[in-house]
Amino acid sequence: MATRKAKPALTHVDAARRPTMVDVGAKDITLREASAEAVVTLPRAAALALRRGKERTKKGPVFDTAIVAGVMAAKRTHELIPFCHPLALERCRITIEQPRAGRIVIRCDVAVHGRTGVEMEALTGAAGAALTLYDMTKALSHDIVIESVRLIAKSGGKRDFRRARR
């Protein structure tokens, strides 16, 4: 007889189907790590203007400002996402690459020793940096697109996860 897999359950809903914060008090403290990325595309003319200006606009250094904003966003995730636990992040690193003209890849890597994962912090950091990049470059074009924000990897909890490369 085949065994049935249980349907995945939402963790932020209690037995009465009301929203709730997950109780992590009984969980072990482990190293929790997560990585997320955001992909931003700029129209060709905007990408060339940004590159000619050495990644600076009238608002200042675009990538440096996005890095600072991404770290700030990751650290304040619990203030933005209702059921996220406040975490004292031990590591938060934002990297920005331009693998080709007009395509910008922002990566946020975070870590903490704690009882809950840091996926939301990684996602929020990547998204915050992407939104800041948009804000810093919107004078060049409003056709800038934040294509995606996605989890790349997580470890340290019940289930580790690693996304296959595209």
N, C-alpha and C. Protein backbone atom coordinates (compact mmCIF):
# COMPACT_ATOMS: atom_id res chain seq x y z
N MET A 1 0.85 -1.18 0.00
CA MET A 1 0.00 0.00 0.00
C MET A 1 0.89 1.24 0.00
N ALA A 2 0.61 2.15 -0.90
CA ALA A 2 1.40 3.39 -1.02
C ALA A 2 1.06 4.34 0.12
N THR A 3 2.09 5.00 0.63
CA THR A 3 1.85 5.99 1.67
C THR A 3 1.62 7.34 1.02
N ARG A 4 0.72 8.09 1.61
CA ARG A 4 0.39 9.41 1.10
C ARG A 4 1.24 10.45 1.78
N LYS A 5 1.74 11.37 0.99
CA LYS A 5 2.47 12.49 1.56
C LYS A 5 1.46 13.50 2.09
N ALA A 6 1.77 14.04 3.25
CA ALA A 6 0.90 15.08 3.80
C ALA A 6 1.03 16.35 2.97
N LYS A 7 -0.09 17.05 2.80
CA LYS A 7 -0.05 18.33 2.10
C LYS A 7 0.75 19.32 2.92
N PRO A 8 1.53 20.15 2.24
CA PRO A 8 2.26 21.17 3.00
C PRO A 8 1.26 22.11 3.69
N ALA A 9 1.58 22.47 4.90
CA ALA A 9 0.70 23.36 5.66
C ALA A 9 1.33 24.75 5.76
N LEU A 10 0.49 25.75 5.76
CA LEU A 10 0.98 27.11 5.96
C LEU A 10 1.40 27.25 7.42
N THR A 11 2.55 27.85 7.65
CA THR A 11 3.07 27.94 9.01
C THR A 11 2.55 29.15 9.78
N HIS A 12 2.05 30.14 9.07
CA HIS A 12 1.62 31.37 9.74
C HIS A 12 0.10 31.44 9.90
N VAL A 13 -0.51 30.26 10.00
CA VAL A 13 -1.96 30.15 10.20
C VAL A 13 -2.19 29.17 11.34
N ASP A 14 -2.99 29.57 12.33
CA ASP A 14 -3.25 28.67 13.46
C ASP A 14 -4.40 27.72 13.16
N ALA A 15 -4.78 26.91 14.14
CA ALA A 15 -5.83 25.91 13.95
C ALA A 15 -7.17 26.54 13.59
N ALA A 16 -7.39 27.77 14.02
CA ALA A 16 -8.64 28.47 13.70
C ALA A 16 -8.52 29.27 12.40
N ARG A 17 -7.43 29.03 11.66
CA ARG A 17 -7.17 29.70 10.39
C ARG A 17 -6.96 31.21 10.52
N ARG A 18 -6.43 31.60 11.66
CA ARG A 18 -6.12 33.01 11.91
C ARG A 18 -4.61 33.21 11.73
N PRO A 19 -4.22 34.37 11.25
CA PRO A 19 -2.79 34.63 11.10
C PRO A 19 -2.08 34.62 12.45
N THR A 20 -0.88 34.05 12.46
CA THR A 20 -0.13 33.96 13.71
C THR A 20 1.37 33.93 13.43
N MET A 21 2.13 34.36 14.40
CA MET A 21 3.58 34.28 14.31
C MET A 21 4.00 32.89 14.78
N VAL A 22 4.95 32.28 14.09
CA VAL A 22 5.40 30.95 14.45
C VAL A 22 6.18 31.01 15.77
N ASP A 23 5.89 30.07 16.67
CA ASP A 23 6.62 29.98 17.93
C ASP A 23 7.90 29.19 17.66
N VAL A 24 9.03 29.86 17.78
CA VAL A 24 10.31 29.22 17.50
C VAL A 24 11.07 28.90 18.78
N GLY A 25 10.45 29.09 19.93
CA GLY A 25 11.11 28.93 21.21
C GLY A 25 11.72 27.57 21.45
N ALA A 26 11.14 26.52 20.90
CA ALA A 26 11.65 25.17 21.15
C ALA A 26 12.67 24.72 20.10
N LYS A 27 12.88 25.53 19.07
CA LYS A 27 13.82 25.15 18.02
C LYS A 27 15.26 25.33 18.49
N ASP A 28 16.15 24.51 17.93
CA ASP A 28 17.57 24.61 18.24
C ASP A 28 18.17 25.83 17.55
N ILE A 29 19.15 26.43 18.20
CA ILE A 29 19.90 27.50 17.57
C ILE A 29 20.94 26.87 16.65
N THR A 30 20.86 27.21 15.38
CA THR A 30 21.82 26.71 14.39
C THR A 30 22.23 27.87 13.49
N LEU A 31 23.28 27.67 12.72
CA LEU A 31 23.68 28.65 11.73
C LEU A 31 22.65 28.61 10.61
N ARG A 32 22.00 29.72 10.37
CA ARG A 32 21.02 29.84 9.30
C ARG A 32 21.59 30.78 8.25
N GLU A 33 21.58 30.33 7.00
CA GLU A 33 22.10 31.14 5.91
C GLU A 33 21.10 31.14 4.76
N ALA A 34 21.08 32.24 4.02
CA ALA A 34 20.22 32.32 2.84
C ALA A 34 20.82 33.28 1.84
N SER A 35 20.53 33.01 0.57
CA SER A 35 20.95 33.87 -0.53
C SER A 35 19.76 34.11 -1.44
N ALA A 36 19.61 35.34 -1.89
CA ALA A 36 18.54 35.70 -2.82
C ALA A 36 19.12 36.61 -3.88
N GLU A 37 18.42 36.69 -5.01
CA GLU A 37 18.86 37.59 -6.06
C GLU A 37 17.69 38.33 -6.65
N ALA A 38 17.99 39.53 -7.12
CA ALA A 38 17.04 40.33 -7.89
C ALA A 38 17.71 40.63 -9.22
N VAL A 39 16.93 40.58 -10.29
CA VAL A 39 17.44 40.89 -11.62
C VAL A 39 16.72 42.15 -12.11
N VAL A 40 17.52 43.13 -12.53
CA VAL A 40 17.00 44.40 -13.02
C VAL A 40 17.48 44.59 -14.44
N THR A 41 16.56 44.98 -15.34
CA THR A 41 16.98 45.28 -16.71
C THR A 41 16.71 46.74 -17.00
N LEU A 42 17.67 47.32 -17.69
CA LEU A 42 17.57 48.71 -18.13
C LEU A 42 17.55 48.74 -19.65
N PRO A 43 16.80 49.67 -20.22
CA PRO A 43 16.86 49.83 -21.68
C PRO A 43 18.29 50.18 -22.09
N ARG A 44 18.64 49.85 -23.30
CA ARG A 44 20.02 50.03 -23.77
C ARG A 44 20.54 51.45 -23.53
N ALA A 45 19.78 52.45 -23.90
CA ALA A 45 20.24 53.84 -23.75
C ALA A 45 20.52 54.17 -22.27
N ALA A 46 19.67 53.69 -21.37
CA ALA A 46 19.86 53.94 -19.94
C ALA A 46 21.08 53.20 -19.42
N ALA A 47 21.27 51.97 -19.88
CA ALA A 47 22.44 51.19 -19.46
C ALA A 47 23.73 51.86 -19.92
N LEU A 48 23.74 52.37 -21.15
CA LEU A 48 24.92 53.06 -21.66
C LEU A 48 25.19 54.35 -20.90
N ALA A 49 24.13 55.10 -20.61
CA ALA A 49 24.28 56.34 -19.85
C ALA A 49 24.83 56.05 -18.45
N LEU A 50 24.33 55.00 -17.83
CA LEU A 50 24.81 54.63 -16.49
C LEU A 50 26.29 54.24 -16.55
N ARG A 51 26.65 53.46 -17.54
CA ARG A 51 28.04 53.02 -17.68
C ARG A 51 28.96 54.20 -17.99
N ARG A 52 28.52 55.11 -18.88
CA ARG A 52 29.33 56.29 -19.22
C ARG A 52 29.55 57.17 -17.99
N GLY A 53 28.55 57.21 -17.10
CA GLY A 53 28.67 58.01 -15.88
C GLY A 53 29.38 57.28 -14.76
N LYS A 54 29.99 56.14 -15.08
CA LYS A 54 30.71 55.32 -14.09
C LYS A 54 29.82 54.98 -12.89
N GLU A 55 28.59 54.55 -13.22
CA GLU A 55 27.60 54.14 -12.22
C GLU A 55 27.23 55.27 -11.24
N ARG A 56 27.28 56.49 -11.72
CA ARG A 56 26.87 57.64 -10.90
C ARG A 56 25.77 58.39 -11.63
N THR A 57 24.84 58.93 -10.85
CA THR A 57 23.83 59.84 -11.39
C THR A 57 23.86 61.10 -10.53
N LYS A 58 22.98 62.04 -10.82
CA LYS A 58 22.90 63.26 -10.02
C LYS A 58 22.60 62.94 -8.55
N LYS A 59 21.97 61.77 -8.32
CA LYS A 59 21.64 61.38 -6.94
C LYS A 59 22.84 60.77 -6.22
N GLY A 60 23.90 60.43 -6.95
CA GLY A 60 25.08 59.87 -6.31
C GLY A 60 25.48 58.54 -6.90
N PRO A 61 26.33 57.79 -6.18
CA PRO A 61 26.83 56.50 -6.67
C PRO A 61 25.73 55.44 -6.59
N VAL A 62 25.28 54.99 -7.75
CA VAL A 62 24.11 54.11 -7.83
C VAL A 62 24.33 52.79 -7.10
N PHE A 63 25.38 52.08 -7.44
CA PHE A 63 25.57 50.75 -6.87
C PHE A 63 25.90 50.82 -5.38
N ASP A 64 26.73 51.78 -5.00
CA ASP A 64 27.07 51.91 -3.57
C ASP A 64 25.82 52.21 -2.75
N THR A 65 24.97 53.10 -3.25
CA THR A 65 23.75 53.44 -2.54
C THR A 65 22.81 52.23 -2.46
N ALA A 66 22.72 51.47 -3.54
CA ALA A 66 21.87 50.26 -3.55
C ALA A 66 22.39 49.23 -2.54
N ILE A 67 23.70 49.11 -2.42
CA ILE A 67 24.27 48.16 -1.45
C ILE A 67 23.89 48.56 -0.02
N VAL A 68 24.05 49.83 0.30
CA VAL A 68 23.69 50.30 1.64
C VAL A 68 22.19 50.08 1.89
N ALA A 69 21.36 50.42 0.92
CA ALA A 69 19.91 50.25 1.07
C ALA A 69 19.53 48.78 1.24
N GLY A 70 20.19 47.89 0.51
CA GLY A 70 19.90 46.46 0.62
C GLY A 70 20.22 45.93 2.01
N VAL A 71 21.35 46.34 2.57
CA VAL A 71 21.71 45.91 3.93
C VAL A 71 20.70 46.47 4.93
N MET A 72 20.35 47.73 4.78
CA MET A 72 19.37 48.33 5.70
C MET A 72 18.03 47.60 5.61
N ALA A 73 17.60 47.27 4.41
CA ALA A 73 16.33 46.56 4.23
C ALA A 73 16.37 45.19 4.90
N ALA A 74 17.46 44.45 4.68
CA ALA A 74 17.58 43.12 5.29
C ALA A 74 17.51 43.21 6.81
N LYS A 75 18.19 44.19 7.39
CA LYS A 75 18.20 44.34 8.85
C LYS A 75 16.84 44.73 9.41
N ARG A 76 15.98 45.31 8.58
CA ARG A 76 14.67 45.79 9.06
C ARG A 76 13.51 44.94 8.54
N THR A 77 13.80 43.76 8.07
CA THR A 77 12.76 42.90 7.49
C THR A 77 11.58 42.72 8.44
N HIS A 78 11.85 42.52 9.71
CA HIS A 78 10.77 42.29 10.68
C HIS A 78 9.83 43.49 10.80
N GLU A 79 10.28 44.67 10.39
CA GLU A 79 9.41 45.85 10.41
C GLU A 79 8.53 45.94 9.17
N LEU A 80 8.87 45.19 8.14
CA LEU A 80 8.13 45.23 6.88
C LEU A 80 7.22 44.03 6.67
N ILE A 81 7.66 42.87 7.14
CA ILE A 81 6.91 41.62 6.94
C ILE A 81 6.33 41.23 8.30
N PRO A 82 5.01 41.23 8.43
CA PRO A 82 4.38 41.14 9.76
C PRO A 82 4.82 40.01 10.68
N PHE A 83 5.04 38.81 10.18
CA PHE A 83 5.33 37.70 11.08
C PHE A 83 6.80 37.29 11.11
N CYS A 84 7.67 38.11 10.57
CA CYS A 84 9.10 37.83 10.66
C CYS A 84 9.61 38.19 12.04
N HIS A 85 10.45 37.33 12.58
CA HIS A 85 11.06 37.58 13.88
C HIS A 85 12.20 38.59 13.72
N PRO A 86 12.39 39.48 14.68
CA PRO A 86 13.55 40.36 14.60
C PRO A 86 14.83 39.54 14.79
N LEU A 87 15.78 39.72 13.90
CA LEU A 87 17.02 38.96 13.96
C LEU A 87 18.21 39.90 13.95
N ALA A 88 19.21 39.56 14.74
CA ALA A 88 20.47 40.32 14.74
C ALA A 88 21.39 39.65 13.72
N LEU A 89 21.31 40.09 12.48
CA LEU A 89 22.09 39.47 11.42
C LEU A 89 23.58 39.55 11.72
N GLU A 90 24.26 38.45 11.50
CA GLU A 90 25.70 38.39 11.71
C GLU A 90 26.46 38.69 10.43
N ARG A 91 25.79 38.47 9.30
CA ARG A 91 26.41 38.77 8.01
C ARG A 91 25.32 39.19 7.05
N CYS A 92 25.60 40.22 6.30
CA CYS A 92 24.72 40.63 5.21
C CYS A 92 25.61 41.25 4.15
N ARG A 93 25.65 40.63 3.00
CA ARG A 93 26.51 41.11 1.93
C ARG A 93 25.69 41.24 0.66
N ILE A 94 25.75 42.42 0.08
CA ILE A 94 25.08 42.69 -1.19
C ILE A 94 26.16 42.80 -2.26
N THR A 95 26.00 42.07 -3.35
CA THR A 95 26.90 42.19 -4.49
C THR A 95 26.07 42.54 -5.72
N ILE A 96 26.67 43.34 -6.59
CA ILE A 96 25.99 43.76 -7.80
C ILE A 96 26.90 43.48 -8.98
N GLU A 97 26.36 42.77 -9.97
CA GLU A 97 27.12 42.44 -11.18
C GLU A 97 26.33 42.85 -12.41
N GLN A 98 27.06 43.15 -13.47
CA GLN A 98 26.45 43.44 -14.77
C GLN A 98 26.98 42.42 -15.76
N PRO A 99 26.36 41.25 -15.84
CA PRO A 99 26.89 40.23 -16.75
C PRO A 99 26.82 40.64 -18.21
N ARG A 100 25.89 41.53 -18.54
CA ARG A 100 25.84 42.10 -19.89
C ARG A 100 25.13 43.45 -19.81
N ALA A 101 25.34 44.25 -20.81
CA ALA A 101 24.78 45.61 -20.81
C ALA A 101 23.26 45.56 -20.63
N GLY A 102 22.80 46.32 -19.69
CA GLY A 102 21.36 46.40 -19.46
C GLY A 102 20.81 45.38 -18.49
N ARG A 103 21.62 44.44 -18.06
CA ARG A 103 21.17 43.42 -17.10
C ARG A 103 22.02 43.55 -15.83
N ILE A 104 21.36 43.74 -14.71
CA ILE A 104 22.04 43.89 -13.43
C ILE A 104 21.52 42.81 -12.49
N VAL A 105 22.44 42.08 -11.89
CA VAL A 105 22.07 41.02 -10.95
C VAL A 105 22.54 41.44 -9.56
N ILE A 106 21.58 41.52 -8.65
CA ILE A 106 21.86 41.89 -7.26
C ILE A 106 21.72 40.63 -6.42
N ARG A 107 22.70 40.35 -5.59
CA ARG A 107 22.65 39.17 -4.73
C ARG A 107 22.79 39.62 -3.29
N CYS A 108 21.98 39.03 -2.42
CA CYS A 108 22.04 39.30 -0.99
C CYS A 108 22.28 37.99 -0.26
N ASP A 109 23.38 37.92 0.50
CA ASP A 109 23.73 36.74 1.30
C ASP A 109 23.69 37.13 2.76
N VAL A 110 22.92 36.39 3.56
CA VAL A 110 22.79 36.71 4.99
C VAL A 110 23.00 35.46 5.84
N ALA A 111 23.37 35.70 7.10
CA ALA A 111 23.56 34.59 8.04
C ALA A 111 23.31 35.07 9.46
N VAL A 112 22.87 34.12 10.28
CA VAL A 112 22.65 34.37 11.70
C VAL A 112 22.67 33.02 12.41
N HIS A 113 23.10 33.01 13.66
CA HIS A 113 22.89 31.84 14.51
C HIS A 113 21.57 32.10 15.20
N GLY A 114 20.57 31.29 14.91
CA GLY A 114 19.25 31.55 15.49
C GLY A 114 18.33 30.36 15.37
N ARG A 115 17.07 30.61 15.72
CA ARG A 115 16.04 29.57 15.73
C ARG A 115 15.14 29.62 14.52
N THR A 116 15.33 30.62 13.68
CA THR A 116 14.49 30.76 12.49
C THR A 116 15.35 31.17 11.31
N GLY A 117 14.88 30.84 10.12
CA GLY A 117 15.64 31.08 8.91
C GLY A 117 15.72 32.54 8.52
N VAL A 118 16.57 32.81 7.54
CA VAL A 118 16.81 34.18 7.10
C VAL A 118 16.47 34.38 5.62
N GLU A 119 15.59 33.53 5.09
CA GLU A 119 15.19 33.69 3.69
C GLU A 119 14.56 35.05 3.44
N MET A 120 13.67 35.45 4.33
CA MET A 120 12.98 36.72 4.12
C MET A 120 13.94 37.90 4.17
N GLU A 121 14.96 37.81 5.02
CA GLU A 121 15.95 38.87 5.09
C GLU A 121 16.75 38.95 3.79
N ALA A 122 17.11 37.80 3.24
CA ALA A 122 17.84 37.79 1.97
C ALA A 122 16.98 38.36 0.84
N LEU A 123 15.73 37.93 0.78
CA LEU A 123 14.81 38.42 -0.25
C LEU A 123 14.56 39.92 -0.11
N THR A 124 14.36 40.37 1.12
CA THR A 124 14.11 41.79 1.37
C THR A 124 15.34 42.63 1.04
N GLY A 125 16.51 42.13 1.36
CA GLY A 125 17.75 42.84 1.03
C GLY A 125 17.92 43.00 -0.48
N ALA A 126 17.70 41.92 -1.22
CA ALA A 126 17.82 41.98 -2.68
C ALA A 126 16.77 42.92 -3.27
N ALA A 127 15.55 42.83 -2.77
CA ALA A 127 14.47 43.70 -3.28
C ALA A 127 14.73 45.17 -2.95
N GLY A 128 15.20 45.44 -1.73
CA GLY A 128 15.50 46.81 -1.34
C GLY A 128 16.59 47.43 -2.19
N ALA A 129 17.61 46.64 -2.50
CA ALA A 129 18.69 47.13 -3.36
C ALA A 129 18.17 47.36 -4.78
N ALA A 130 17.32 46.47 -5.28
CA ALA A 130 16.77 46.62 -6.63
C ALA A 130 15.88 47.87 -6.71
N LEU A 131 15.06 48.08 -5.71
CA LEU A 131 14.19 49.26 -5.71
C LEU A 131 15.01 50.55 -5.63
N THR A 132 16.09 50.52 -4.89
CA THR A 132 16.97 51.69 -4.79
C THR A 132 17.66 51.93 -6.13
N LEU A 133 18.10 50.87 -6.78
CA LEU A 133 18.71 51.01 -8.09
C LEU A 133 17.71 51.66 -9.05
N TYR A 134 16.46 51.22 -9.00
CA TYR A 134 15.41 51.83 -9.83
C TYR A 134 15.28 53.32 -9.51
N ASP A 135 15.19 53.64 -8.23
CA ASP A 135 15.03 55.03 -7.82
C ASP A 135 16.21 55.89 -8.29
N MET A 136 17.39 55.35 -8.18
CA MET A 136 18.60 56.11 -8.54
C MET A 136 18.72 56.31 -10.05
N THR A 137 18.08 55.46 -10.86
CA THR A 137 18.25 55.53 -12.31
C THR A 137 16.99 55.90 -13.08
N LYS A 138 15.90 56.14 -12.39
CA LYS A 138 14.64 56.40 -13.10
C LYS A 138 14.67 57.67 -13.94
N ALA A 139 15.59 58.59 -13.65
CA ALA A 139 15.72 59.78 -14.49
C ALA A 139 16.23 59.40 -15.88
N LEU A 140 16.91 58.27 -16.00
CA LEU A 140 17.40 57.80 -17.29
C LEU A 140 16.29 57.15 -18.10
N SER A 141 15.34 56.49 -17.41
CA SER A 141 14.24 55.80 -18.10
C SER A 141 13.24 55.27 -17.07
N HIS A 142 11.98 55.25 -17.47
CA HIS A 142 10.97 54.59 -16.64
C HIS A 142 10.66 53.19 -17.17
N ASP A 143 11.43 52.75 -18.16
CA ASP A 143 11.26 51.40 -18.70
C ASP A 143 12.17 50.39 -18.00
N ILE A 144 12.71 50.75 -16.87
CA ILE A 144 13.52 49.83 -16.07
C ILE A 144 12.57 48.79 -15.48
N VAL A 145 13.00 47.54 -15.48
CA VAL A 145 12.14 46.46 -14.98
C VAL A 145 12.89 45.66 -13.92
N ILE A 146 12.25 45.49 -12.77
CA ILE A 146 12.74 44.53 -11.79
C ILE A 146 12.10 43.21 -12.20
N GLU A 147 12.88 42.37 -12.87
CA GLU A 147 12.34 41.15 -13.48
C GLU A 147 11.96 40.11 -12.45
N SER A 148 12.82 39.92 -11.47
CA SER A 148 12.56 38.85 -10.52
C SER A 148 13.28 39.10 -9.22
N VAL A 149 12.73 38.55 -8.17
CA VAL A 149 13.38 38.47 -6.87
C VAL A 149 13.11 37.05 -6.42
N ARG A 150 14.19 36.30 -6.17
CA ARG A 150 13.97 34.88 -5.85
C ARG A 150 15.03 34.36 -4.89
N LEU A 151 14.62 33.35 -4.14
CA LEU A 151 15.53 32.67 -3.23
C LEU A 151 16.45 31.79 -4.05
N ILE A 152 17.74 31.85 -3.74
CA ILE A 152 18.74 31.02 -4.43
C ILE A 152 19.10 29.81 -3.58
N ALA A 153 19.26 30.03 -2.27
CA ALA A 153 19.65 28.93 -1.39
C ALA A 153 19.33 29.28 0.05
N LYS A 154 19.12 28.25 0.86
CA LYS A 154 18.96 28.42 2.31
C LYS A 154 19.48 27.16 2.98
N SER A 155 19.98 27.34 4.19
CA SER A 155 20.46 26.19 4.95
C SER A 155 20.35 26.47 6.43
N GLY A 156 20.36 25.38 7.20
CA GLY A 156 20.38 25.50 8.65
C GLY A 156 19.08 25.19 9.35
N GLY A 157 18.02 24.98 8.62
CA GLY A 157 16.73 24.66 9.24
C GLY A 157 16.34 23.22 8.97
N LYS A 158 15.03 22.98 8.93
CA LYS A 158 14.54 21.62 8.65
C LYS A 158 14.93 21.14 7.27
N ARG A 159 14.82 22.04 6.30
CA ARG A 159 15.12 21.66 4.91
C ARG A 159 16.10 22.66 4.31
N ASP A 160 17.16 22.13 3.74
CA ASP A 160 18.06 22.98 2.97
C ASP A 160 17.48 23.09 1.56
N PHE A 161 17.84 24.15 0.88
CA PHE A 161 17.32 24.40 -0.47
C PHE A 161 18.41 25.03 -1.31
N ARG A 162 18.54 24.59 -2.54
CA ARG A 162 19.45 25.21 -3.49
C ARG A 162 18.78 25.16 -4.85
N ARG A 163 18.59 26.33 -5.44
CA ARG A 163 17.97 26.43 -6.74
C ARG A 163 18.96 25.99 -7.82
N ALA A 164 18.46 25.26 -8.78
CA ALA A 164 19.30 24.86 -9.91
C ALA A 164 19.64 26.11 -10.72
N ARG A 165 20.84 26.16 -11.24
CA ARG A 165 21.25 27.30 -12.08
C ARG A 165 20.43 27.36 -13.34
N ARG A 166 20.18 28.59 -13.82
CA ARG A 166 19.43 28.77 -15.07
C ARG A 166 20.30 28.40 -16.25
